[in-house]
Amino acid sequence: MPSDQVIDIEKKLRNYSVEDKQWLVKKVTEQLQLSDSQTATELMKSWDDAYSDGLDESEITMLEAVRCHQGKLSE
């Protein structure tokens, strides 16, 4: 389960452009030091898709999977 801070950030991000979110995802992936560029690309695409037009149930599920994936990558 993500922290309250992460949930709050996610809510704020809904109002930002896709370009801003792409930039943020790039910075996050740099901080995670992902060595696999394919993984980073997939992560960015997942976020772009999830935020492109608001959230429906499938997109919420996808975001939860992305969070889980991020957690595994940071371990």
C-alpha atoms as a PDB file:
ATOM      1  CA  MET A   1       0.000   0.000   0.000  1.00  0.00           C
ATOM      2  CA  PRO A   2       1.482   3.370  -0.974  1.00  0.00           C
ATOM      3  CA  SER A   3       2.030   5.988   1.692  1.00  0.00           C
ATOM      4  CA  ASP A   4      -0.363   8.903   2.153  1.00  0.00           C
ATOM      5  CA  GLN A   5       2.317  11.189   0.697  1.00  0.00           C
ATOM      6  CA  VAL A   6       2.466   9.188  -2.525  1.00  0.00           C
ATOM      7  CA  ILE A   7      -1.328   9.180  -2.811  1.00  0.00           C
ATOM      8  CA  ASP A   8      -1.358  12.947  -2.300  1.00  0.00           C
ATOM      9  CA  ILE A   9       1.287  13.428  -5.005  1.00  0.00           C
ATOM     10  CA  GLU A  10      -0.689  11.206  -7.381  1.00  0.00           C
ATOM     11  CA  LYS A  11      -3.809  13.327  -6.871  1.00  0.00           C
ATOM     12  CA  LYS A  12      -1.839  16.502  -7.589  1.00  0.00           C
ATOM     13  CA  LEU A  13      -0.333  15.000 -10.744  1.00  0.00           C
ATOM     14  CA  ARG A  14      -3.752  14.559 -12.324  1.00  0.00           C
ATOM     15  CA  ASN A  15      -3.782  18.287 -13.129  1.00  0.00           C
ATOM     16  CA  TYR A  16      -0.391  18.336 -14.871  1.00  0.00           C
ATOM     17  CA  SER A  17       0.356  17.859 -18.556  1.00  0.00           C
ATOM     18  CA  VAL A  18       1.624  14.591 -19.988  1.00  0.00           C
ATOM     19  CA  GLU A  19       4.917  16.333 -20.775  1.00  0.00           C
ATOM     20  CA  ASP A  20       5.367  17.352 -17.138  1.00  0.00           C
ATOM     21  CA  LYS A  21       4.590  13.800 -16.028  1.00  0.00           C
ATOM     22  CA  GLN A  22       7.045  12.364 -18.550  1.00  0.00           C
ATOM     23  CA  TRP A  23       9.751  14.660 -17.210  1.00  0.00           C
ATOM     24  CA  LEU A  24       8.956  13.612 -13.649  1.00  0.00           C
ATOM     25  CA  VAL A  25       8.993   9.910 -14.527  1.00  0.00           C
ATOM     26  CA  LYS A  26      12.367  10.394 -16.212  1.00  0.00           C
ATOM     27  CA  LYS A  27      13.748  11.973 -13.037  1.00  0.00           C
ATOM     28  CA  VAL A  28      12.263   9.214 -10.854  1.00  0.00           C
ATOM     29  CA  THR A  29      13.750   6.477 -13.039  1.00  0.00           C
ATOM     30  CA  GLU A  30      17.134   8.214 -12.870  1.00  0.00           C
ATOM     31  CA  GLN A  31      16.925   8.212  -9.078  1.00  0.00           C
ATOM     32  CA  LEU A  32      16.024   4.527  -9.088  1.00  0.00           C
ATOM     33  CA  GLN A  33      19.138   3.960 -11.210  1.00  0.00           C
ATOM     34  CA  LEU A  34      17.401   1.574 -13.549  1.00  0.00           C
ATOM     35  CA  SER A  35      19.986  -0.176 -15.650  1.00  0.00           C
ATOM     36  CA  ASP A  36      17.505  -1.672 -18.059  1.00  0.00           C
ATOM     37  CA  SER A  37      16.343   1.034 -20.465  1.00  0.00           C
ATOM     38  CA  GLN A  38      13.446  -1.174 -21.572  1.00  0.00           C
ATOM     39  CA  THR A  39      12.135  -1.225 -18.003  1.00  0.00           C
ATOM     40  CA  ALA A  40      12.367   2.556 -17.800  1.00  0.00           C
ATOM     41  CA  THR A  41      10.548   2.909 -21.130  1.00  0.00           C
ATOM     42  CA  GLU A  42       7.773   0.581 -19.999  1.00  0.00           C
ATOM     43  CA  LEU A  43       7.436   2.480 -16.726  1.00  0.00           C
ATOM     44  CA  MET A  44       7.142   5.819 -18.534  1.00  0.00           C
ATOM     45  CA  LYS A  45       4.578   4.399 -20.968  1.00  0.00           C
ATOM     46  CA  SER A  46       2.515   3.001 -18.094  1.00  0.00           C
ATOM     47  CA  TRP A  47       2.418   6.387 -16.389  1.00  0.00           C
ATOM     48  CA  ASP A  48       1.634   8.203 -19.627  1.00  0.00           C
ATOM     49  CA  ASP A  49      -1.240   5.850 -20.377  1.00  0.00           C
ATOM     50  CA  ALA A  50      -2.596   6.058 -16.863  1.00  0.00           C
ATOM     51  CA  TYR A  51      -2.685   9.829 -16.756  1.00  0.00           C
ATOM     52  CA  SER A  52      -3.573  10.642 -20.346  1.00  0.00           C
ATOM     53  CA  ASP A  53      -7.332  10.933 -19.869  1.00  0.00           C
ATOM     54  CA  GLY A  54      -8.205  10.553 -16.203  1.00  0.00           C
ATOM     55  CA  LEU A  55      -8.445   7.348 -14.255  1.00  0.00           C
ATOM     56  CA  ASP A  56     -10.857   4.512 -14.736  1.00  0.00           C
ATOM     57  CA  GLU A  57     -10.746   1.246 -12.793  1.00  0.00           C
ATOM     58  CA  SER A  58      -8.310  -0.483 -15.160  1.00  0.00           C
ATOM     59  CA  GLU A  59      -5.950   2.493 -14.979  1.00  0.00           C
ATOM     60  CA  ILE A  60      -6.062   2.492 -11.188  1.00  0.00           C
ATOM     61  CA  THR A  61      -5.168  -1.200 -11.274  1.00  0.00           C
ATOM     62  CA  MET A  62      -2.311  -0.452 -13.638  1.00  0.00           C
ATOM     63  CA  LEU A  63      -0.980   2.314 -11.380  1.00  0.00           C
ATOM     64  CA  GLU A  64      -1.011  -0.088  -8.442  1.00  0.00           C
ATOM     65  CA  ALA A  65       0.997  -2.552 -10.537  1.00  0.00           C
ATOM     66  CA  VAL A  66       3.451   0.199 -11.478  1.00  0.00           C
ATOM     67  CA  ARG A  67       3.892   1.107  -7.814  1.00  0.00           C
ATOM     68  CA  CYS A  68       4.510  -2.539  -6.967  1.00  0.00           C
ATOM     69  CA  HIS A  69       7.022  -2.808  -9.832  1.00  0.00           C
ATOM     70  CA  GLN A  70       8.789   0.355  -8.663  1.00  0.00           C
ATOM     71  CA  GLY A  71       9.057  -1.061  -5.161  1.00  0.00           C
ATOM     72  CA  LYS A  72      10.657  -4.228  -6.468  1.00  0.00           C
ATOM     73  CA  LEU A  73      13.102  -2.233  -8.582  1.00  0.00           C
ATOM     74  CA  SER A  74      14.199  -0.106  -5.654  1.00  0.00           C
ATOM     75  CA  GLU A  75      14.966  -3.164  -3.471  1.00  0.00           C
END
